[in-house]
PDB file of all heavy atoms in Angstrom:
ATOM      1  N   GLY A   1       1.148  -6.085  -4.661  1.00  0.00           N
ATOM      2  CA  GLY A   1      -0.276  -5.851  -4.424  1.00  0.00           C
ATOM      3  C   GLY A   1      -1.024  -6.823  -5.207  1.00  0.00           C
ATOM      4  O   GLY A   1      -0.593  -7.958  -5.730  1.00  0.00           O
ATOM      5  N   TYR A   2      -2.345  -6.569  -5.461  1.00  0.00           N
ATOM      6  CA  TYR A   2      -3.263  -7.518  -6.140  1.00  0.00           C
ATOM      7  C   TYR A   2      -3.345  -7.192  -7.626  1.00  0.00           C
ATOM      8  O   TYR A   2      -3.601  -6.019  -8.071  1.00  0.00           O
ATOM      9  CB  TYR A   2      -4.552  -7.516  -5.542  1.00  0.00           C
ATOM     10  CG  TYR A   2      -4.614  -7.786  -4.000  1.00  0.00           C
ATOM     11  CD1 TYR A   2      -4.882  -6.907  -3.053  1.00  0.00           C
ATOM     12  CD2 TYR A   2      -4.207  -9.047  -3.577  1.00  0.00           C
ATOM     13  CE1 TYR A   2      -4.889  -7.069  -1.770  1.00  0.00           C
ATOM     14  CE2 TYR A   2      -4.077  -9.258  -2.219  1.00  0.00           C
ATOM     15  CZ  TYR A   2      -4.458  -8.361  -1.268  1.00  0.00           C
ATOM     16  OH  TYR A   2      -4.406  -8.638   0.040  1.00  0.00           O
ATOM     17  N   VAL A   3      -3.308  -8.205  -8.445  1.00  0.00           N
ATOM     18  CA  VAL A   3      -3.299  -7.953  -9.892  1.00  0.00           C
ATOM     19  C   VAL A   3      -4.643  -7.542 -10.366  1.00  0.00           C
ATOM     20  O   VAL A   3      -5.697  -8.207  -9.936  1.00  0.00           O
ATOM     21  CB  VAL A   3      -2.930  -9.410 -10.639  1.00  0.00           C
ATOM     22  CG1 VAL A   3      -3.106  -9.295 -12.094  1.00  0.00           C
ATOM     23  CG2 VAL A   3      -1.525  -9.815 -10.289  1.00  0.00           C
ATOM     24  N   GLU A   4      -4.762  -6.469 -11.098  1.00  0.00           N
ATOM     25  CA  GLU A   4      -6.001  -5.937 -11.650  1.00  0.00           C
ATOM     26  C   GLU A   4      -7.059  -5.628 -10.578  1.00  0.00           C
ATOM     27  O   GLU A   4      -8.201  -5.552 -10.820  1.00  0.00           O
ATOM     28  CB  GLU A   4      -6.651  -7.029 -12.660  1.00  0.00           C
ATOM     29  CG  GLU A   4      -5.805  -7.352 -13.935  1.00  0.00           C
ATOM     30  CD  GLU A   4      -5.708  -6.131 -14.719  1.00  0.00           C
ATOM     31  OE1 GLU A   4      -6.749  -5.597 -15.189  1.00  0.00           O
ATOM     32  OE2 GLU A   4      -4.593  -5.727 -15.161  1.00  0.00           O
ATOM     33  N   ARG A   5      -6.505  -5.365  -9.362  1.00  0.00           N
ATOM     34  CA  ARG A   5      -7.434  -4.909  -8.266  1.00  0.00           C
ATOM     35  C   ARG A   5      -6.808  -3.677  -7.557  1.00  0.00           C
ATOM     36  O   ARG A   5      -6.395  -3.704  -6.395  1.00  0.00           O
ATOM     37  CB  ARG A   5      -7.439  -6.072  -7.263  1.00  0.00           C
ATOM     38  CG  ARG A   5      -7.963  -7.423  -7.702  1.00  0.00           C
ATOM     39  CD  ARG A   5      -9.518  -7.350  -7.937  1.00  0.00           C
ATOM     40  NE  ARG A   5      -9.961  -8.637  -8.207  1.00  0.00           N
ATOM     41  CZ  ARG A   5      -9.969  -9.340  -9.302  1.00  0.00           C
ATOM     42  NH1 ARG A   5      -9.458  -8.684 -10.391  1.00  0.00           N
ATOM     43  NH2 ARG A   5     -10.464 -10.547  -9.518  1.00  0.00           N
ATOM     44  N   ALA A   6      -6.772  -2.522  -8.309  1.00  0.00           N
ATOM     45  CA  ALA A   6      -6.116  -1.337  -7.822  1.00  0.00           C
ATOM     46  C   ALA A   6      -6.767  -0.843  -6.463  1.00  0.00           C
ATOM     47  O   ALA A   6      -6.189  -0.452  -5.550  1.00  0.00           O
ATOM     48  CB  ALA A   6      -6.262  -0.323  -8.811  1.00  0.00           C
ATOM     49  N   GLY A   7      -8.139  -0.884  -6.516  1.00  0.00           N
ATOM     50  CA  GLY A   7      -8.804  -0.490  -5.186  1.00  0.00           C
ATOM     51  C   GLY A   7      -8.605  -1.237  -4.068  1.00  0.00           C
ATOM     52  O   GLY A   7      -8.354  -0.722  -3.053  1.00  0.00           O
ATOM     53  N   LEU A   8      -8.603  -2.564  -4.264  1.00  0.00           N
ATOM     54  CA  LEU A   8      -8.281  -3.522  -3.181  1.00  0.00           C
ATOM     55  C   LEU A   8      -6.862  -3.344  -2.667  1.00  0.00           C
ATOM     56  O   LEU A   8      -6.578  -3.257  -1.475  1.00  0.00           O
ATOM     57  CB  LEU A   8      -8.551  -4.977  -3.555  1.00  0.00           C
ATOM     58  CG  LEU A   8      -8.412  -6.042  -2.499  1.00  0.00           C
ATOM     59  CD1 LEU A   8      -9.391  -5.783  -1.361  1.00  0.00           C
ATOM     60  CD2 LEU A   8      -8.573  -7.401  -3.106  1.00  0.00           C
ATOM     61  N   THR A   9      -5.847  -3.168  -3.614  1.00  0.00           N
ATOM     62  CA  THR A   9      -4.468  -2.863  -3.301  1.00  0.00           C
ATOM     63  C   THR A   9      -4.308  -1.719  -2.415  1.00  0.00           C
ATOM     64  O   THR A   9      -3.640  -1.688  -1.404  1.00  0.00           O
ATOM     65  CB  THR A   9      -3.673  -2.886  -4.537  1.00  0.00           C
ATOM     66  OG1 THR A   9      -3.706  -4.085  -5.249  1.00  0.00           O
ATOM     67  CG2 THR A   9      -2.210  -2.561  -4.190  1.00  0.00           C
ATOM     68  N   SER A  10      -4.944  -0.645  -2.886  1.00  0.00           N
ATOM     69  CA  SER A  10      -4.768   0.640  -2.188  1.00  0.00           C
ATOM     70  C   SER A  10      -5.431   0.619  -0.709  1.00  0.00           C
ATOM     71  O   SER A  10      -4.967   1.350   0.143  1.00  0.00           O
ATOM     72  CB  SER A  10      -5.433   1.808  -2.872  1.00  0.00           C
ATOM     73  OG  SER A  10      -6.847   1.643  -3.073  1.00  0.00           O
ATOM     74  N   GLY A  11      -6.339  -0.233  -0.549  1.00  0.00           N
ATOM     75  CA  GLY A  11      -7.066  -0.419   0.777  1.00  0.00           C
ATOM     76  C   GLY A  11      -6.211  -1.309   1.671  1.00  0.00           C
ATOM     77  O   GLY A  11      -6.401  -1.181   2.903  1.00  0.00           O
ATOM     78  N   ARG A  12      -5.410  -2.172   1.187  1.00  0.00           N
ATOM     79  CA  ARG A  12      -4.622  -3.126   2.010  1.00  0.00           C
ATOM     80  C   ARG A  12      -3.112  -2.718   2.112  1.00  0.00           C
ATOM     81  O   ARG A  12      -2.500  -2.994   3.171  1.00  0.00           O
ATOM     82  CB  ARG A  12      -4.775  -4.554   1.561  1.00  0.00           C
ATOM     83  CG  ARG A  12      -6.212  -5.018   1.466  1.00  0.00           C
ATOM     84  CD  ARG A  12      -6.839  -5.197   2.732  1.00  0.00           C
ATOM     85  NE  ARG A  12      -6.284  -6.221   3.636  1.00  0.00           N
ATOM     86  CZ  ARG A  12      -6.886  -6.714   4.624  1.00  0.00           C
ATOM     87  NH1 ARG A  12      -8.162  -6.466   4.834  1.00  0.00           N
ATOM     88  NH2 ARG A  12      -6.294  -7.586   5.448  1.00  0.00           N
ATOM     89  N   PHE A  13      -2.602  -2.159   1.045  1.00  0.00           N
ATOM     90  CA  PHE A  13      -1.278  -1.660   1.037  1.00  0.00           C
ATOM     91  C   PHE A  13      -1.248  -0.187   1.182  1.00  0.00           C
ATOM     92  O   PHE A  13      -1.410   0.500   0.203  1.00  0.00           O
ATOM     93  CB  PHE A  13      -0.516  -2.123  -0.272  1.00  0.00           C
ATOM     94  CG  PHE A  13      -0.312  -3.650  -0.454  1.00  0.00           C
ATOM     95  CD1 PHE A  13      -1.387  -4.455  -0.882  1.00  0.00           C
ATOM     96  CD2 PHE A  13       0.935  -4.207  -0.113  1.00  0.00           C
ATOM     97  CE1 PHE A  13      -1.176  -5.827  -0.992  1.00  0.00           C
ATOM     98  CE2 PHE A  13       1.113  -5.556  -0.295  1.00  0.00           C
ATOM     99  CZ  PHE A  13       0.000  -6.385  -0.685  1.00  0.00           C
ATOM    100  N   VAL A  14      -0.989   0.330   2.330  1.00  0.00           N
ATOM    101  CA  VAL A  14      -1.190   1.649   2.645  1.00  0.00           C
ATOM    102  C   VAL A  14       0.226   2.317   3.084  1.00  0.00           C
ATOM    103  O   VAL A  14       1.253   1.692   3.209  1.00  0.00           O
ATOM    104  CB  VAL A  14      -2.152   1.909   3.867  1.00  0.00           C
ATOM    105  CG1 VAL A  14      -3.531   1.313   3.529  1.00  0.00           C
ATOM    106  CG2 VAL A  14      -1.568   1.143   5.113  1.00  0.00           C
ATOM    107  N   ALA A  15       0.238   3.592   3.027  1.00  0.00           N
ATOM    108  CA  ALA A  15       1.467   4.397   3.322  1.00  0.00           C
ATOM    109  C   ALA A  15       1.881   3.973   4.689  1.00  0.00           C
ATOM    110  O   ALA A  15       1.189   3.994   5.712  1.00  0.00           O
ATOM    111  CB  ALA A  15       1.149   5.868   3.171  1.00  0.00           C
ATOM    112  N   ASP A  16       3.183   3.851   4.793  1.00  0.00           N
ATOM    113  CA  ASP A  16       3.944   3.492   6.088  1.00  0.00           C
ATOM    114  C   ASP A  16       4.241   4.831   6.804  1.00  0.00           C
ATOM    115  O   ASP A  16       5.291   5.485   6.433  1.00  0.00           O
ATOM    116  CB  ASP A  16       5.081   2.671   5.866  1.00  0.00           C
ATOM    117  CG  ASP A  16       5.865   2.223   7.157  1.00  0.00           C
ATOM    118  OD1 ASP A  16       5.400   2.684   8.194  1.00  0.00           O
ATOM    119  OD2 ASP A  16       6.909   1.527   7.066  1.00  0.00           O
ATOM    120  N   PRO A  17       3.668   5.286   7.893  1.00  0.00           N
ATOM    121  CA  PRO A  17       3.915   6.463   8.543  1.00  0.00           C
ATOM    122  C   PRO A  17       5.197   6.427   9.326  1.00  0.00           C
ATOM    123  O   PRO A  17       5.685   7.413   9.856  1.00  0.00           O
ATOM    124  CB  PRO A  17       2.735   6.674   9.472  1.00  0.00           C
ATOM    125  CG  PRO A  17       2.130   5.293   9.763  1.00  0.00           C
ATOM    126  CD  PRO A  17       2.371   4.575   8.527  1.00  0.00           C
ATOM    127  N   PHE A  18       5.723   5.231   9.539  1.00  0.00           N
ATOM    128  CA  PHE A  18       6.876   5.008  10.376  1.00  0.00           C
ATOM    129  C   PHE A  18       8.180   4.787   9.500  1.00  0.00           C
ATOM    130  O   PHE A  18       9.225   4.715  10.133  1.00  0.00           O
ATOM    131  CB  PHE A  18       6.641   3.805  11.320  1.00  0.00           C
ATOM    132  CG  PHE A  18       5.469   3.992  12.123  1.00  0.00           C
ATOM    133  CD1 PHE A  18       4.270   3.096  11.674  1.00  0.00           C
ATOM    134  CD2 PHE A  18       5.311   4.670  13.287  1.00  0.00           C
ATOM    135  CE1 PHE A  18       3.142   3.191  12.386  1.00  0.00           C
ATOM    136  CE2 PHE A  18       4.101   4.807  13.855  1.00  0.00           C
ATOM    137  CZ  PHE A  18       3.038   4.083  13.479  1.00  0.00           C
ATOM    138  N   GLY A  19       7.951   4.603   8.224  1.00  0.00           N
ATOM    139  CA  GLY A  19       9.107   4.269   7.354  1.00  0.00           C
ATOM    140  C   GLY A  19       9.555   5.550   6.478  1.00  0.00           C
ATOM    141  O   GLY A  19       9.172   6.692   6.813  1.00  0.00           O
ATOM    142  N   GLU A  20      10.449   5.307   5.628  1.00  0.00           N
ATOM    143  CA  GLU A  20      10.963   6.264   4.697  1.00  0.00           C
ATOM    144  C   GLU A  20       9.762   6.788   3.842  1.00  0.00           C
ATOM    145  O   GLU A  20       8.838   6.004   3.561  1.00  0.00           O
ATOM    146  CB  GLU A  20      12.101   5.812   3.761  1.00  0.00           C
ATOM    147  CG  GLU A  20      13.301   5.379   4.597  1.00  0.00           C
ATOM    148  CD  GLU A  20      13.980   6.600   5.309  1.00  0.00           C
ATOM    149  OE1 GLU A  20      13.865   7.729   4.644  1.00  0.00           O
ATOM    150  OE2 GLU A  20      14.505   6.476   6.318  1.00  0.00           O
ATOM    151  N   PRO A  21       9.832   8.032   3.316  1.00  0.00           N
ATOM    152  CA  PRO A  21       8.813   8.500   2.464  1.00  0.00           C
ATOM    153  C   PRO A  21       8.610   7.625   1.216  1.00  0.00           C
ATOM    154  O   PRO A  21       9.554   7.169   0.582  1.00  0.00           O
ATOM    155  CB  PRO A  21       9.325   9.941   2.011  1.00  0.00           C
ATOM    156  CG  PRO A  21      10.194  10.337   3.195  1.00  0.00           C
ATOM    157  CD  PRO A  21      10.903   9.048   3.665  1.00  0.00           C
ATOM    158  N   GLY A  22       7.285   7.357   0.882  1.00  0.00           N
ATOM    159  CA  GLY A  22       7.130   6.462  -0.335  1.00  0.00           C
ATOM    160  C   GLY A  22       6.943   4.996   0.033  1.00  0.00           C
ATOM    161  O   GLY A  22       6.557   4.151  -0.767  1.00  0.00           O
ATOM    162  N   THR A  23       7.310   4.561   1.270  1.00  0.00           N
ATOM    163  CA  THR A  23       7.261   3.165   1.579  1.00  0.00           C
ATOM    164  C   THR A  23       5.837   2.817   1.994  1.00  0.00           C
ATOM    165  O   THR A  23       4.998   3.618   2.450  1.00  0.00           O
ATOM    166  CB  THR A  23       8.182   2.789   2.763  1.00  0.00           C
ATOM    167  OG1 THR A  23       7.937   3.584   3.863  1.00  0.00           O
ATOM    168  CG2 THR A  23       9.630   3.039   2.290  1.00  0.00           C
ATOM    169  N   ARG A  24       5.533   1.450   1.845  1.00  0.00           N
ATOM    170  CA  ARG A  24       4.125   0.992   2.207  1.00  0.00           C
ATOM    171  C   ARG A  24       4.208  -0.030   3.270  1.00  0.00           C
ATOM    172  O   ARG A  24       5.266  -0.557   3.698  1.00  0.00           O
ATOM    173  CB  ARG A  24       3.570   0.332   0.996  1.00  0.00           C
ATOM    174  CG  ARG A  24       3.496   1.225  -0.246  1.00  0.00           C
ATOM    175  CD  ARG A  24       3.052   0.352  -1.423  1.00  0.00           C
ATOM    176  NE  ARG A  24       3.894  -0.810  -1.629  1.00  0.00           N
ATOM    177  CZ  ARG A  24       3.446  -1.960  -2.137  1.00  0.00           C
ATOM    178  NH1 ARG A  24       2.130  -2.050  -2.570  1.00  0.00           N
ATOM    179  NH2 ARG A  24       4.325  -2.895  -2.323  1.00  0.00           N
ATOM    180  N   MET A  25       3.063  -0.293   3.874  1.00  0.00           N
ATOM    181  CA  MET A  25       2.845  -1.441   4.822  1.00  0.00           C
ATOM    182  C   MET A  25       1.617  -2.160   4.470  1.00  0.00           C
ATOM    183  O   MET A  25       0.597  -1.503   3.827  1.00  0.00           O
ATOM    184  CB  MET A  25       2.861  -0.829   6.277  1.00  0.00           C
ATOM    185  CG  MET A  25       1.768  -0.001   6.560  1.00  0.00           C
ATOM    186  SD  MET A  25       1.815   0.622   8.284  1.00  0.00           S
ATOM    187  CE  MET A  25       0.375   1.703   8.355  1.00  0.00           C
ATOM    188  N   TYR A  26       1.613  -3.412   4.723  1.00  0.00           N
ATOM    189  CA  TYR A  26       0.420  -4.274   4.463  1.00  0.00           C
ATOM    190  C   TYR A  26      -0.391  -4.482   5.652  1.00  0.00           C
ATOM    191  O   TYR A  26       0.031  -4.849   6.690  1.00  0.00           O
ATOM    192  CB  TYR A  26       0.834  -5.559   3.866  1.00  0.00           C
ATOM    193  CG  TYR A  26      -0.362  -6.530   3.752  1.00  0.00           C
ATOM    194  CD1 TYR A  26      -1.339  -6.386   2.789  1.00  0.00           C
ATOM    195  CD2 TYR A  26      -0.314  -7.725   4.497  1.00  0.00           C
ATOM    196  CE1 TYR A  26      -2.323  -7.234   2.744  1.00  0.00           C
ATOM    197  CE2 TYR A  26      -1.319  -8.639   4.414  1.00  0.00           C
ATOM    198  CZ  TYR A  26      -2.344  -8.306   3.476  1.00  0.00           C
ATOM    199  OH  TYR A  26      -3.499  -9.274   3.373  1.00  0.00           O
TER     200      TYR A  26
END
């Protein structure tokens, strides 16, 4: 994700509803 940009990271790297639990998608 983005360094020192937690809010931006959470908005672009989101939970992957099609993958294993805990995985993300960009």
